[in-house]
């Protein structure tokens, strides 16, 4: 995961800024995803992130 984060860091930063998501939030989500969790928890985190990004981009 750290290799992917390093390789994609600039794109993640640009996407976060374009979506008005604080970099601290991106960091916290990335840390949670790098921890060892079962599939259900990772799925719920992914759904949460998608909903959060949707709300930010739609100004809900």
C-alpha atoms as a PDB file:
ATOM      1  CA  UNK A   1       0.000   0.000   0.000  1.00  0.00           C
ATOM      2  CA  UNK A   2       2.801   2.417   0.775  1.00  0.00           C
ATOM      3  CA  UNK A   3       4.238   1.916  -2.712  1.00  0.00           C
ATOM      4  CA  UNK A   4       0.874   2.771  -4.267  1.00  0.00           C
ATOM      5  CA  UNK A   5       0.443   5.806  -2.022  1.00  0.00           C
ATOM      6  CA  UNK A   6       3.915   7.045  -2.897  1.00  0.00           C
ATOM      7  CA  UNK A   7       3.366   6.535  -6.606  1.00  0.00           C
ATOM      8  CA  UNK A   8      -0.059   8.196  -6.582  1.00  0.00           C
ATOM      9  CA  UNK A   9       0.577  10.890  -3.946  1.00  0.00           C
ATOM     10  CA  UNK A  10       0.474  13.852  -6.320  1.00  0.00           C
ATOM     11  CA  UNK A  11      -2.755  12.654  -7.918  1.00  0.00           C
ATOM     12  CA  UNK A  12      -4.359  12.074  -4.501  1.00  0.00           C
ATOM     13  CA  UNK A  13      -3.341  15.567  -3.406  1.00  0.00           C
ATOM     14  CA  UNK A  14      -4.687  17.175  -6.597  1.00  0.00           C
ATOM     15  CA  UNK A  15      -7.983  15.260  -6.355  1.00  0.00           C
ATOM     16  CA  UNK A  16      -8.399  16.158  -2.696  1.00  0.00           C
ATOM     17  CA  UNK A  17      -7.777  19.838  -3.356  1.00  0.00           C
ATOM     18  CA  UNK A  18     -10.117  19.822  -6.365  1.00  0.00           C
ATOM     19  CA  UNK A  19     -12.834  18.249  -4.191  1.00  0.00           C
ATOM     20  CA  UNK A  20     -12.171  20.582  -1.228  1.00  0.00           C
ATOM     21  CA  UNK A  21     -11.201  17.646   0.983  1.00  0.00           C
ATOM     22  CA  UNK A  22      -8.638  18.458   3.642  1.00  0.00           C
ATOM     23  CA  UNK A  23      -5.383  16.569   3.268  1.00  0.00           C
ATOM     24  CA  UNK A  24      -5.685  15.506   6.902  1.00  0.00           C
ATOM     25  CA  UNK A  25      -8.875  13.638   6.026  1.00  0.00           C
ATOM     26  CA  UNK A  26      -7.178  11.909   3.102  1.00  0.00           C
ATOM     27  CA  UNK A  27      -4.343  10.942   5.431  1.00  0.00           C
ATOM     28  CA  UNK A  28      -6.688   9.497   8.041  1.00  0.00           C
ATOM     29  CA  UNK A  29      -8.567   7.450   5.453  1.00  0.00           C
ATOM     30  CA  UNK A  30      -5.294   6.166   3.989  1.00  0.00           C
ATOM     31  CA  UNK A  31      -4.068   5.173   7.452  1.00  0.00           C
ATOM     32  CA  UNK A  32      -7.307   3.325   8.174  1.00  0.00           C
ATOM     33  CA  UNK A  33      -7.068   1.478   4.874  1.00  0.00           C
ATOM     34  CA  UNK A  34      -3.484   0.412   5.498  1.00  0.00           C
ATOM     35  CA  UNK A  35      -4.396  -1.168   8.809  1.00  0.00           C
ATOM     36  CA  UNK A  36      -5.319  -4.819   8.718  1.00  0.00           C
ATOM     37  CA  UNK A  37      -9.101  -5.023   8.641  1.00  0.00           C
ATOM     38  CA  UNK A  38     -11.536  -7.587   7.431  1.00  0.00           C
ATOM     39  CA  UNK A  39     -13.278  -7.110   4.089  1.00  0.00           C
ATOM     40  CA  UNK A  40     -16.512  -5.778   5.571  1.00  0.00           C
ATOM     41  CA  UNK A  41     -14.776  -2.904   7.369  1.00  0.00           C
ATOM     42  CA  UNK A  42     -12.813  -1.929   4.252  1.00  0.00           C
ATOM     43  CA  UNK A  43     -16.027  -1.980   2.217  1.00  0.00           C
ATOM     44  CA  UNK A  44     -17.778   0.272   4.744  1.00  0.00           C
ATOM     45  CA  UNK A  45     -14.855   2.685   4.748  1.00  0.00           C
ATOM     46  CA  UNK A  46     -14.899   2.803   0.944  1.00  0.00           C
ATOM     47  CA  UNK A  47     -18.636   3.505   0.931  1.00  0.00           C
ATOM     48  CA  UNK A  48     -18.148   6.265   3.520  1.00  0.00           C
ATOM     49  CA  UNK A  49     -15.431   7.890   1.427  1.00  0.00           C
ATOM     50  CA  UNK A  50     -17.567   7.770  -1.720  1.00  0.00           C
ATOM     51  CA  UNK A  51     -20.517   9.335   0.111  1.00  0.00           C
ATOM     52  CA  UNK A  52     -18.295  12.016   1.642  1.00  0.00           C
ATOM     53  CA  UNK A  53     -16.753  12.915  -1.705  1.00  0.00           C
ATOM     54  CA  UNK A  54     -20.198  12.993  -3.324  1.00  0.00           C
ATOM     55  CA  UNK A  55     -21.523  15.354  -0.653  1.00  0.00           C
ATOM     56  CA  UNK A  56     -18.529  17.642  -0.915  1.00  0.00           C
ATOM     57  CA  UNK A  57     -18.724  17.813  -4.692  1.00  0.00           C
ATOM     58  CA  UNK A  58     -22.507  18.366  -4.623  1.00  0.00           C
ATOM     59  CA  UNK A  59     -22.358  20.832  -1.709  1.00  0.00           C
ATOM     60  CA  UNK A  60     -24.928  18.827   0.245  1.00  0.00           C
END
